Amino acid sequence: MIHPSDNFSNNMDEEESMLLEKEDEEKSNVLHQLMKLKRSQRWIFVFISIFFLILAQAAAVLLGRFYYDQGGNSKWISTLVQTVGFPILYLPLCLLPASSHTSSSSSSSSSSSCSFKTLVWIHLSLGLAIGFDNLLYSYGLLLLSASAYSLTCGTQLIFSAIFSRFINSEKITIWTGMSVILLTISALVIALGGDSDSPSGGYKWTYMIGCLLTLLASLIYSLQLSLMQYSFENIIKRETFGVVLEMQIYTSLVASCVSVIGLFASGEWKMLRMEMEEFHKGQVSYVLTLVGTAFSWHTCGVR
């Protein structure tokens, strides 16, 4: 004979189990919604980054070409403005939470495999390479039109795919392969077809030199990205937003010092006053062009 109290307790157990199952289901639904929200936020951040990257890089190239077209001729100034805007990067760095600052600034002390000397060596070597690379880009932009320069710079994806495969062990997807093929065809068409819009007057050898310098600069730039990624993964062993910003700041500081040294060693600094006075659009436009170029290049860095 079953006692009524046993039926009551069984009913209570069933209700409790149903409630627990309902709570678990609600929790799983909440977690699923949060995951979807985080995924959507990540894609929104990716699209915003791509938008600012394309917009800022296009503005920087057009302003750099405008500088040459309006009478500017200093290759070292054109090189300097590509990195001298690095103080802008302190703004997003300061907006990071205090914990991120602490963890990023103490990364060298917390990791036994990465000493302060190693970090200095990384920043110096990459900074020197960036300074030389930016000089090649400056010569390339001087000898090519903005359109030819931009398309030739697109070969960065080809070199990035190759270096990331061998240095960072990244897989090459079918989309990457298709992009590499299309960019290779575009680069060959530009290099062999000539450009009636060339700022050098259409001289074939000058145009070819501009293409080769820009290709070499793209190769070095892609190698730098792979080496930076290798440093984050295997030497620094951290890849937070703060650590990446610090890497950009310190390497840009070194590259800016290289550009300043080159500016004075080449004697181009003596011609800057005359260049500003003879700038076709006026002195104010000269200063705004350089400032806008520096701002645009480092807006690309916050992505």
C-alpha atoms as a PDB file:
ATOM      1  CA  MET A   1       0.000   0.000   0.000  1.00  0.00           C
ATOM      2  CA  ILE A   2       1.384   3.426  -1.006  1.00  0.00           C
ATOM      3  CA  HIS A   3       1.149   6.072   1.625  1.00  0.00           C
ATOM      4  CA  PRO A   4      -0.320   9.459   0.489  1.00  0.00           C
ATOM      5  CA  SER A   5       2.744  11.232   1.813  1.00  0.00           C
ATOM      6  CA  ASP A   6       4.922   9.217  -0.590  1.00  0.00           C
ATOM      7  CA  ASN A   7       2.808  10.395  -3.535  1.00  0.00           C
ATOM      8  CA  PHE A   8       3.121  13.947  -2.309  1.00  0.00           C
ATOM      9  CA  SER A   9       6.913  13.702  -2.007  1.00  0.00           C
ATOM     10  CA  ASN A  10       7.151  12.133  -5.459  1.00  0.00           C
ATOM     11  CA  ASN A  11       5.116  14.958  -6.928  1.00  0.00           C
ATOM     12  CA  MET A  12       7.334  17.463  -5.197  1.00  0.00           C
ATOM     13  CA  ASP A  13      10.450  15.772  -6.590  1.00  0.00           C
ATOM     14  CA  GLU A  14       8.984  15.818 -10.086  1.00  0.00           C
ATOM     15  CA  GLU A  15       8.089  19.499  -9.807  1.00  0.00           C
ATOM     16  CA  GLU A  16      11.572  20.333  -8.513  1.00  0.00           C
ATOM     17  CA  SER A  17      13.201  18.398 -11.334  1.00  0.00           C
ATOM     18  CA  MET A  18      10.977  20.160 -13.860  1.00  0.00           C
ATOM     19  CA  LEU A  19      11.865  23.521 -12.343  1.00  0.00           C
ATOM     20  CA  LEU A  20      15.560  22.680 -12.441  1.00  0.00           C
ATOM     21  CA  GLU A  21      15.300  21.577 -16.061  1.00  0.00           C
ATOM     22  CA  LYS A  22      13.445  24.778 -16.890  1.00  0.00           C
ATOM     23  CA  GLU A  23      16.140  26.875 -15.162  1.00  0.00           C
ATOM     24  CA  ASP A  24      18.885  25.007 -16.998  1.00  0.00           C
ATOM     25  CA  GLU A  25      17.085  25.566 -20.276  1.00  0.00           C
ATOM     26  CA  GLU A  26      16.709  29.268 -19.533  1.00  0.00           C
ATOM     27  CA  LYS A  27      20.393  29.512 -18.611  1.00  0.00           C
ATOM     28  CA  SER A  28      21.419  27.776 -21.821  1.00  0.00           C
ATOM     29  CA  ASN A  29      19.186  30.128 -23.805  1.00  0.00           C
ATOM     30  CA  VAL A  30      20.738  33.132 -22.073  1.00  0.00           C
ATOM     31  CA  LEU A  31      24.256  31.827 -22.756  1.00  0.00           C
ATOM     32  CA  HIS A  32      23.301  31.186 -26.373  1.00  0.00           C
ATOM     33  CA  GLN A  33      21.980  34.728 -26.721  1.00  0.00           C
ATOM     34  CA  LEU A  34      25.146  36.124 -25.128  1.00  0.00           C
ATOM     35  CA  MET A  35      27.321  34.109 -27.508  1.00  0.00           C
ATOM     36  CA  LYS A  36      25.310  35.390 -30.469  1.00  0.00           C
ATOM     37  CA  LEU A  37      25.636  38.934 -29.136  1.00  0.00           C
ATOM     38  CA  LYS A  38      29.394  38.600 -28.687  1.00  0.00           C
ATOM     39  CA  ARG A  39      29.714  37.114 -32.163  1.00  0.00           C
ATOM     40  CA  SER A  40      27.682  39.935 -33.703  1.00  0.00           C
ATOM     41  CA  GLN A  41      29.658  42.536 -31.764  1.00  0.00           C
ATOM     42  CA  ARG A  42      32.889  41.010 -33.021  1.00  0.00           C
ATOM     43  CA  TRP A  43      31.721  41.193 -36.624  1.00  0.00           C
ATOM     44  CA  ILE A  44      30.566  44.780 -36.116  1.00  0.00           C
ATOM     45  CA  PHE A  45      34.030  45.616 -34.754  1.00  0.00           C
ATOM     46  CA  VAL A  46      35.645  43.859 -37.749  1.00  0.00           C
ATOM     47  CA  PHE A  47      33.552  45.825 -40.262  1.00  0.00           C
ATOM     48  CA  ILE A  48      34.258  49.118 -38.459  1.00  0.00           C
ATOM     49  CA  SER A  49      37.991  48.335 -38.469  1.00  0.00           C
ATOM     50  CA  ILE A  50      37.926  47.511 -42.185  1.00  0.00           C
ATOM     51  CA  PHE A  51      36.027  50.737 -42.908  1.00  0.00           C
ATOM     52  CA  PHE A  52      38.542  52.911 -41.033  1.00  0.00           C
ATOM     53  CA  LEU A  53      41.468  51.017 -42.546  1.00  0.00           C
ATOM     54  CA  ILE A  54      40.286  51.537 -46.133  1.00  0.00           C
ATOM     55  CA  LEU A  55      39.202  55.138 -45.566  1.00  0.00           C
ATOM     56  CA  ALA A  56      42.340  56.216 -43.702  1.00  0.00           C
ATOM     57  CA  GLN A  57      44.732  54.435 -46.051  1.00  0.00           C
ATOM     58  CA  ALA A  58      43.057  55.942 -49.118  1.00  0.00           C
ATOM     59  CA  ALA A  59      43.236  59.404 -47.537  1.00  0.00           C
ATOM     60  CA  ALA A  60      46.916  58.926 -46.650  1.00  0.00           C
ATOM     61  CA  VAL A  61      47.835  57.856 -50.200  1.00  0.00           C
ATOM     62  CA  LEU A  62      45.890  60.691 -51.822  1.00  0.00           C
ATOM     63  CA  LEU A  63      47.389  63.272 -49.467  1.00  0.00           C
ATOM     64  CA  GLY A  64      50.865  61.880 -50.073  1.00  0.00           C
ATOM     65  CA  ARG A  65      50.354  62.146 -53.825  1.00  0.00           C
ATOM     66  CA  PHE A  66      48.894  65.653 -53.360  1.00  0.00           C
ATOM     67  CA  TYR A  67      52.057  66.663 -51.472  1.00  0.00           C
ATOM     68  CA  TYR A  68      54.241  65.725 -54.458  1.00  0.00           C
ATOM     69  CA  ASP A  69      51.870  67.187 -57.049  1.00  0.00           C
ATOM     70  CA  GLN A  70      51.776  70.593 -55.332  1.00  0.00           C
ATOM     71  CA  GLY A  71      55.539  71.049 -55.183  1.00  0.00           C
ATOM     72  CA  GLY A  72      56.657  68.906 -52.245  1.00  0.00           C
ATOM     73  CA  ASN A  73      59.858  67.006 -52.938  1.00  0.00           C
ATOM     74  CA  SER A  74      61.270  65.796 -49.625  1.00  0.00           C
ATOM     75  CA  LYS A  75      61.314  62.008 -49.518  1.00  0.00           C
ATOM     76  CA  TRP A  76      62.339  62.002 -45.863  1.00  0.00           C
ATOM     77  CA  ILE A  77      59.419  64.242 -44.848  1.00  0.00           C
ATOM     78  CA  SER A  78      57.119  61.898 -46.752  1.00  0.00           C
ATOM     79  CA  THR A  79      58.732  59.038 -44.828  1.00  0.00           C
ATOM     80  CA  LEU A  80      58.501  60.806 -41.473  1.00  0.00           C
ATOM     81  CA  VAL A  81      54.767  61.536 -41.673  1.00  0.00           C
ATOM     82  CA  GLN A  82      54.057  57.795 -42.005  1.00  0.00           C
ATOM     83  CA  THR A  83      55.132  57.182 -38.401  1.00  0.00           C
ATOM     84  CA  VAL A  84      55.403  60.516 -36.584  1.00  0.00           C
ATOM     85  CA  GLY A  85      51.706  60.449 -35.697  1.00  0.00           C
ATOM     86  CA  PHE A  86      52.247  57.600 -33.208  1.00  0.00           C
ATOM     87  CA  PRO A  87      51.212  59.738 -30.157  1.00  0.00           C
ATOM     88  CA  ILE A  88      47.626  59.332 -31.448  1.00  0.00           C
ATOM     89  CA  LEU A  89      47.869  55.694 -30.399  1.00  0.00           C
ATOM     90  CA  TYR A  90      48.191  56.740 -26.756  1.00  0.00           C
ATOM     91  CA  LEU A  91      44.509  57.728 -26.812  1.00  0.00           C
ATOM     92  CA  PRO A  92      43.109  54.177 -27.231  1.00  0.00           C
ATOM     93  CA  LEU A  93      45.883  52.915 -24.942  1.00  0.00           C
ATOM     94  CA  CYS A  94      44.741  55.273 -22.174  1.00  0.00           C
ATOM     95  CA  LEU A  95      41.123  54.204 -22.674  1.00  0.00           C
ATOM     96  CA  LEU A  96      41.971  50.595 -21.868  1.00  0.00           C
ATOM     97  CA  PRO A  97      41.013  49.276 -18.393  1.00  0.00           C
ATOM     98  CA  ALA A  98      43.624  49.618 -15.677  1.00  0.00           C
ATOM     99  CA  SER A  99      44.033  45.845 -15.516  1.00  0.00           C
ATOM    100  CA  SER A 100      44.974  45.746 -19.191  1.00  0.00           C
ATOM    101  CA  HIS A 101      47.603  48.431 -18.643  1.00  0.00           C
ATOM    102  CA  THR A 102      49.043  46.559 -15.719  1.00  0.00           C
ATOM    103  CA  SER A 103      49.117  43.236 -17.493  1.00  0.00           C
ATOM    104  CA  SER A 104      50.563  44.654 -20.699  1.00  0.00           C
ATOM    105  CA  SER A 105      53.202  46.788 -19.025  1.00  0.00           C
ATOM    106  CA  SER A 106      54.342  43.902 -16.841  1.00  0.00           C
ATOM    107  CA  SER A 107      54.391  41.378 -19.645  1.00  0.00           C
ATOM    108  CA  SER A 108      58.174  41.318 -19.794  1.00  0.00           C
ATOM    109  CA  SER A 109      58.532  40.692 -16.060  1.00  0.00           C
ATOM    110  CA  SER A 110      55.827  38.031 -15.930  1.00  0.00           C
ATOM    111  CA  SER A 111      57.283  36.063 -18.834  1.00  0.00           C
ATOM    112  CA  SER A 112      60.663  34.523 -18.139  1.00  0.00           C
ATOM    113  CA  SER A 113      61.342  33.984 -21.834  1.00  0.00           C
ATOM    114  CA  CYS A 114      61.092  37.671 -22.756  1.00  0.00           C
ATOM    115  CA  SER A 115      63.415  40.062 -20.973  1.00  0.00           C
ATOM    116  CA  PHE A 116      63.502  43.839 -21.237  1.00  0.00           C
ATOM    117  CA  LYS A 117      66.578  43.630 -23.486  1.00  0.00           C
ATOM    118  CA  THR A 118      64.732  41.274 -25.813  1.00  0.00           C
ATOM    119  CA  LEU A 119      61.803  43.709 -26.078  1.00  0.00           C
ATOM    120  CA  VAL A 120      64.182  46.587 -26.818  1.00  0.00           C
ATOM    121  CA  TRP A 121      65.902  44.518 -29.511  1.00  0.00           C
ATOM    122  CA  ILE A 122      62.543  43.636 -31.088  1.00  0.00           C
ATOM    123  CA  HIS A 123      61.381  47.273 -31.102  1.00  0.00           C
ATOM    124  CA  LEU A 124      64.702  48.528 -32.481  1.00  0.00           C
ATOM    125  CA  SER A 125      65.014  45.954 -35.263  1.00  0.00           C
ATOM    126  CA  LEU A 126      61.408  46.268 -36.377  1.00  0.00           C
ATOM    127  CA  GLY A 127      61.532  50.065 -36.088  1.00  0.00           C
ATOM    128  CA  LEU A 128      64.642  50.263 -38.292  1.00  0.00           C
ATOM    129  CA  ALA A 129      62.980  47.996 -40.856  1.00  0.00           C
ATOM    130  CA  ILE A 130      59.819  50.127 -40.815  1.00  0.00           C
ATOM    131  CA  GLY A 131      61.840  53.304 -41.359  1.00  0.00           C
ATOM    132  CA  PHE A 132      63.584  51.813 -44.396  1.00  0.00           C
ATOM    133  CA  ASP A 133      60.316  50.353 -45.668  1.00  0.00           C
ATOM    134  CA  ASN A 134      58.544  53.723 -45.432  1.00  0.00           C
ATOM    135  CA  LEU A 135      61.347  55.343 -47.420  1.00  0.00           C
ATOM    136  CA  LEU A 136      60.782  52.821 -50.216  1.00  0.00           C
ATOM    137  CA  TYR A 137      57.060  53.597 -50.124  1.00  0.00           C
ATOM    138  CA  SER A 138      57.840  57.322 -50.381  1.00  0.00           C
ATOM    139  CA  TYR A 139      59.934  56.798 -53.501  1.00  0.00           C
ATOM    140  CA  GLY A 140      57.267  54.522 -54.951  1.00  0.00           C
ATOM    141  CA  LEU A 141      54.557  57.127 -54.441  1.00  0.00           C
ATOM    142  CA  LEU A 142      56.807  59.772 -56.005  1.00  0.00           C
ATOM    143  CA  LEU A 143      57.318  57.733 -59.176  1.00  0.00           C
ATOM    144  CA  LEU A 144      53.803  56.270 -59.545  1.00  0.00           C
ATOM    145  CA  SER A 145      50.296  57.622 -59.746  1.00  0.00           C
ATOM    146  CA  ALA A 146      48.015  57.074 -56.756  1.00  0.00           C
ATOM    147  CA  SER A 147      46.036  54.347 -58.536  1.00  0.00           C
ATOM    148  CA  ALA A 148      49.079  52.387 -59.710  1.00  0.00           C
ATOM    149  CA  TYR A 149      50.704  52.779 -56.301  1.00  0.00           C
ATOM    150  CA  SER A 150      47.616  51.485 -54.469  1.00  0.00           C
ATOM    151  CA  LEU A 151      47.192  48.474 -56.738  1.00  0.00           C
ATOM    152  CA  THR A 152      50.861  47.584 -56.464  1.00  0.00           C
ATOM    153  CA  CYS A 153      50.628  47.840 -52.687  1.00  0.00           C
ATOM    154  CA  GLY A 154      47.853  45.256 -52.900  1.00  0.00           C
ATOM    155  CA  THR A 155      50.562  42.645 -53.460  1.00  0.00           C
ATOM    156  CA  GLN A 156      51.061  42.792 -49.690  1.00  0.00           C
ATOM    157  CA  LEU A 157      48.395  40.091 -49.487  1.00  0.00           C
ATOM    158  CA  ILE A 158      50.465  37.783 -51.691  1.00  0.00           C
ATOM    159  CA  PHE A 159      53.583  38.197 -49.568  1.00  0.00           C
ATOM    160  CA  SER A 160      51.568  38.028 -46.339  1.00  0.00           C
ATOM    161  CA  ALA A 161      50.068  34.680 -47.391  1.00  0.00           C
ATOM    162  CA  ILE A 162      53.522  33.291 -48.158  1.00  0.00           C
ATOM    163  CA  PHE A 163      55.223  34.553 -45.000  1.00  0.00           C
ATOM    164  CA  SER A 164      52.346  33.603 -42.713  1.00  0.00           C
ATOM    165  CA  ARG A 165      52.418  30.085 -44.170  1.00  0.00           C
ATOM    166  CA  PHE A 166      56.130  29.537 -43.511  1.00  0.00           C
ATOM    167  CA  ILE A 167      56.726  31.745 -40.451  1.00  0.00           C
ATOM    168  CA  ASN A 168      53.397  31.573 -38.587  1.00  0.00           C
ATOM    169  CA  SER A 169      52.202  28.166 -39.894  1.00  0.00           C
ATOM    170  CA  GLU A 170      48.911  29.656 -41.059  1.00  0.00           C
ATOM    171  CA  LYS A 171      46.730  27.749 -43.510  1.00  0.00           C
ATOM    172  CA  ILE A 172      46.077  29.232 -46.945  1.00  0.00           C
ATOM    173  CA  THR A 173      42.352  29.067 -47.672  1.00  0.00           C
ATOM    174  CA  ILE A 174      40.757  28.955 -51.117  1.00  0.00           C
ATOM    175  CA  TRP A 175      39.678  32.601 -50.748  1.00  0.00           C
ATOM    176  CA  THR A 176      43.248  33.639 -49.952  1.00  0.00           C
ATOM    177  CA  GLY A 177      44.487  31.698 -52.965  1.00  0.00           C
ATOM    178  CA  MET A 178      41.957  33.347 -55.280  1.00  0.00           C
ATOM    179  CA  SER A 179      42.879  36.796 -53.935  1.00  0.00           C
ATOM    180  CA  VAL A 180      46.567  36.074 -54.468  1.00  0.00           C
ATOM    181  CA  ILE A 181      45.932  35.032 -58.092  1.00  0.00           C
ATOM    182  CA  LEU A 182      43.852  38.140 -58.853  1.00  0.00           C
ATOM    183  CA  LEU A 183      46.385  40.478 -57.243  1.00  0.00           C
ATOM    184  CA  THR A 184      49.247  38.791 -59.108  1.00  0.00           C
ATOM    185  CA  ILE A 185      47.458  39.366 -62.425  1.00  0.00           C
ATOM    186  CA  SER A 186      46.740  43.004 -61.472  1.00  0.00           C
ATOM    187  CA  ALA A 187      50.369  43.628 -60.513  1.00  0.00           C
ATOM    188  CA  LEU A 188      51.605  42.145 -63.804  1.00  0.00           C
ATOM    189  CA  VAL A 189      49.175  44.278 -65.809  1.00  0.00           C
ATOM    190  CA  ILE A 190      50.322  47.420 -63.981  1.00  0.00           C
ATOM    191  CA  ALA A 191      54.005  46.607 -64.343  1.00  0.00           C
ATOM    192  CA  LEU A 192      53.853  45.712 -68.045  1.00  0.00           C
ATOM    193  CA  GLY A 193      51.057  47.933 -69.298  1.00  0.00           C
ATOM    194  CA  GLY A 194      52.361  51.330 -68.336  1.00  0.00           C
ATOM    195  CA  ASP A 195      50.259  54.178 -66.951  1.00  0.00           C
ATOM    196  CA  SER A 196      49.279  57.271 -68.899  1.00  0.00           C
ATOM    197  CA  ASP A 197      48.509  58.918 -65.572  1.00  0.00           C
ATOM    198  CA  SER A 198      52.046  58.432 -64.307  1.00  0.00           C
ATOM    199  CA  PRO A 199      53.355  61.501 -62.447  1.00  0.00           C
ATOM    200  CA  SER A 200      56.828  61.016 -63.874  1.00  0.00           C
ATOM    201  CA  GLY A 201      55.670  61.857 -67.394  1.00  0.00           C
ATOM    202  CA  GLY A 202      55.308  58.302 -68.626  1.00  0.00           C
ATOM    203  CA  TYR A 203      59.009  57.357 -68.806  1.00  0.00           C
ATOM    204  CA  LYS A 204      59.047  53.547 -68.862  1.00  0.00           C
ATOM    205  CA  TRP A 205      62.169  53.020 -66.810  1.00  0.00           C
ATOM    206  CA  THR A 206      61.065  55.451 -64.102  1.00  0.00           C
ATOM    207  CA  TYR A 207      57.698  53.743 -63.953  1.00  0.00           C
ATOM    208  CA  MET A 208      59.311  50.301 -63.665  1.00  0.00           C
ATOM    209  CA  ILE A 209      61.588  51.515 -60.874  1.00  0.00           C
ATOM    210  CA  GLY A 210      58.556  52.843 -59.008  1.00  0.00           C
ATOM    211  CA  CYS A 211      56.811  49.475 -59.350  1.00  0.00           C
ATOM    212  CA  LEU A 212      59.886  47.569 -58.173  1.00  0.00           C
ATOM    213  CA  LEU A 213      60.414  49.843 -55.162  1.00  0.00           C
ATOM    214  CA  THR A 214      56.763  49.549 -54.160  1.00  0.00           C
ATOM    215  CA  LEU A 215      56.869  45.764 -54.577  1.00  0.00           C
ATOM    216  CA  LEU A 216      59.990  45.573 -52.417  1.00  0.00           C
ATOM    217  CA  ALA A 217      58.343  47.794 -49.796  1.00  0.00           C
ATOM    218  CA  SER A 218      55.249  45.555 -49.811  1.00  0.00           C
ATOM    219  CA  LEU A 219      57.432  42.479 -49.350  1.00  0.00           C
ATOM    220  CA  ILE A 220      59.257  44.025 -46.379  1.00  0.00           C
ATOM    221  CA  TYR A 221      55.991  45.211 -44.846  1.00  0.00           C
ATOM    222  CA  SER A 222      54.446  41.734 -45.090  1.00  0.00           C
ATOM    223  CA  LEU A 223      57.577  40.220 -43.547  1.00  0.00           C
ATOM    224  CA  GLN A 224      57.325  42.712 -40.674  1.00  0.00           C
ATOM    225  CA  LEU A 225      53.727  41.672 -39.969  1.00  0.00           C
ATOM    226  CA  SER A 226      54.670  37.992 -39.849  1.00  0.00           C
ATOM    227  CA  LEU A 227      57.654  38.704 -37.602  1.00  0.00           C
ATOM    228  CA  MET A 228      55.466  40.783 -35.282  1.00  0.00           C
ATOM    229  CA  GLN A 229      52.965  37.922 -35.080  1.00  0.00           C
ATOM    230  CA  TYR A 230      55.821  35.505 -34.409  1.00  0.00           C
ATOM    231  CA  SER A 231      57.103  37.784 -31.632  1.00  0.00           C
ATOM    232  CA  PHE A 232      53.679  37.936 -29.970  1.00  0.00           C
ATOM    233  CA  GLU A 233      53.186  34.173 -30.106  1.00  0.00           C
ATOM    234  CA  ASN A 234      56.672  32.832 -29.351  1.00  0.00           C
ATOM    235  CA  ILE A 235      58.713  35.561 -27.629  1.00  0.00           C
ATOM    236  CA  ILE A 236      56.398  38.004 -25.843  1.00  0.00           C
ATOM    237  CA  LYS A 237      53.723  35.288 -25.525  1.00  0.00           C
ATOM    238  CA  ARG A 238      50.976  37.880 -25.195  1.00  0.00           C
ATOM    239  CA  GLU A 239      48.705  39.437 -27.804  1.00  0.00           C
ATOM    240  CA  THR A 240      46.366  41.770 -25.963  1.00  0.00           C
ATOM    241  CA  PHE A 241      45.187  45.035 -27.480  1.00  0.00           C
ATOM    242  CA  GLY A 242      47.471  46.974 -25.134  1.00  0.00           C
ATOM    243  CA  VAL A 243      50.565  44.952 -26.061  1.00  0.00           C
ATOM    244  CA  VAL A 244      49.855  45.386 -29.788  1.00  0.00           C
ATOM    245  CA  LEU A 245      49.442  49.157 -29.366  1.00  0.00           C
ATOM    246  CA  GLU A 246      52.689  49.387 -27.406  1.00  0.00           C
ATOM    247  CA  MET A 247      54.479  47.504 -30.178  1.00  0.00           C
ATOM    248  CA  GLN A 248      53.130  49.999 -32.746  1.00  0.00           C
ATOM    249  CA  ILE A 249      54.074  52.984 -30.583  1.00  0.00           C
ATOM    250  CA  TYR A 250      57.659  51.943 -29.870  1.00  0.00           C
ATOM    251  CA  THR A 251      58.441  50.743 -33.399  1.00  0.00           C
ATOM    252  CA  SER A 252      56.955  53.968 -34.824  1.00  0.00           C
ATOM    253  CA  LEU A 253      59.119  55.969 -32.408  1.00  0.00           C
ATOM    254  CA  VAL A 254      62.256  54.211 -33.674  1.00  0.00           C
ATOM    255  CA  ALA A 255      61.173  54.624 -37.315  1.00  0.00           C
ATOM    256  CA  SER A 256      60.503  58.344 -36.724  1.00  0.00           C
ATOM    257  CA  CYS A 257      63.992  58.760 -35.270  1.00  0.00           C
ATOM    258  CA  VAL A 258      65.423  57.062 -38.373  1.00  0.00           C
ATOM    259  CA  SER A 259      63.475  59.479 -40.593  1.00  0.00           C
ATOM    260  CA  VAL A 260      64.661  62.534 -38.643  1.00  0.00           C
ATOM    261  CA  ILE A 261      68.272  61.358 -38.880  1.00  0.00           C
ATOM    262  CA  GLY A 262      67.848  60.795 -42.623  1.00  0.00           C
ATOM    263  CA  LEU A 263      66.233  64.229 -43.017  1.00  0.00           C
ATOM    264  CA  PHE A 264      69.231  65.994 -41.475  1.00  0.00           C
ATOM    265  CA  ALA A 265      71.896  63.700 -42.953  1.00  0.00           C
ATOM    266  CA  SER A 266      70.550  64.209 -46.488  1.00  0.00           C
ATOM    267  CA  GLY A 267      70.392  67.988 -46.092  1.00  0.00           C
ATOM    268  CA  GLU A 268      66.708  68.083 -47.082  1.00  0.00           C
ATOM    269  CA  TRP A 269      65.897  69.998 -43.901  1.00  0.00           C
ATOM    270  CA  LYS A 270      67.570  73.075 -45.418  1.00  0.00           C
ATOM    271  CA  MET A 271      65.001  73.140 -48.216  1.00  0.00           C
ATOM    272  CA  LEU A 272      61.877  72.775 -46.056  1.00  0.00           C
ATOM    273  CA  ARG A 273      61.258  76.517 -45.606  1.00  0.00           C
ATOM    274  CA  MET A 274      61.564  77.149 -49.338  1.00  0.00           C
ATOM    275  CA  GLU A 275      59.404  74.113 -50.067  1.00  0.00           C
ATOM    276  CA  MET A 276      56.665  75.399 -47.754  1.00  0.00           C
ATOM    277  CA  GLU A 277      56.813  78.911 -49.237  1.00  0.00           C
ATOM    278  CA  GLU A 278      56.657  77.593 -52.816  1.00  0.00           C
ATOM    279  CA  PHE A 279      53.912  75.049 -52.160  1.00  0.00           C
ATOM    280  CA  HIS A 280      51.258  75.698 -54.819  1.00  0.00           C
ATOM    281  CA  LYS A 281      48.308  75.731 -52.432  1.00  0.00           C
ATOM    282  CA  GLY A 282      49.977  77.896 -49.805  1.00  0.00           C
ATOM    283  CA  GLN A 283      51.789  77.392 -46.520  1.00  0.00           C
ATOM    284  CA  VAL A 284      48.689  76.546 -44.497  1.00  0.00           C
ATOM    285  CA  SER A 285      47.748  73.857 -46.994  1.00  0.00           C
ATOM    286  CA  TYR A 286      51.310  72.518 -46.801  1.00  0.00           C
ATOM    287  CA  VAL A 287      51.130  72.087 -43.029  1.00  0.00           C
ATOM    288  CA  LEU A 288      47.599  70.658 -43.134  1.00  0.00           C
ATOM    289  CA  THR A 289      48.632  68.162 -45.820  1.00  0.00           C
ATOM    290  CA  LEU A 290      51.473  66.817 -43.689  1.00  0.00           C
ATOM    291  CA  VAL A 291      49.369  66.735 -40.519  1.00  0.00           C
ATOM    292  CA  GLY A 292      46.482  65.046 -42.314  1.00  0.00           C
ATOM    293  CA  THR A 293      48.819  62.459 -43.816  1.00  0.00           C
ATOM    294  CA  ALA A 294      50.321  61.639 -40.417  1.00  0.00           C
ATOM    295  CA  PHE A 295      46.869  61.384 -38.832  1.00  0.00           C
ATOM    296  CA  SER A 296      45.559  59.165 -41.639  1.00  0.00           C
ATOM    297  CA  TRP A 297      48.457  56.724 -41.487  1.00  0.00           C
ATOM    298  CA  HIS A 298      48.040  56.178 -37.763  1.00  0.00           C
ATOM    299  CA  THR A 299      44.284  55.973 -37.927  1.00  0.00           C
ATOM    300  CA  CYS A 300      45.021  52.834 -39.951  1.00  0.00           C
ATOM    301  CA  GLY A 301      46.955  51.539 -36.959  1.00  0.00           C
ATOM    302  CA  VAL A 302      43.924  51.597 -34.614  1.00  0.00           C
ATOM    303  CA  ARG A 303      42.150  48.571 -36.067  1.00  0.00           C
END
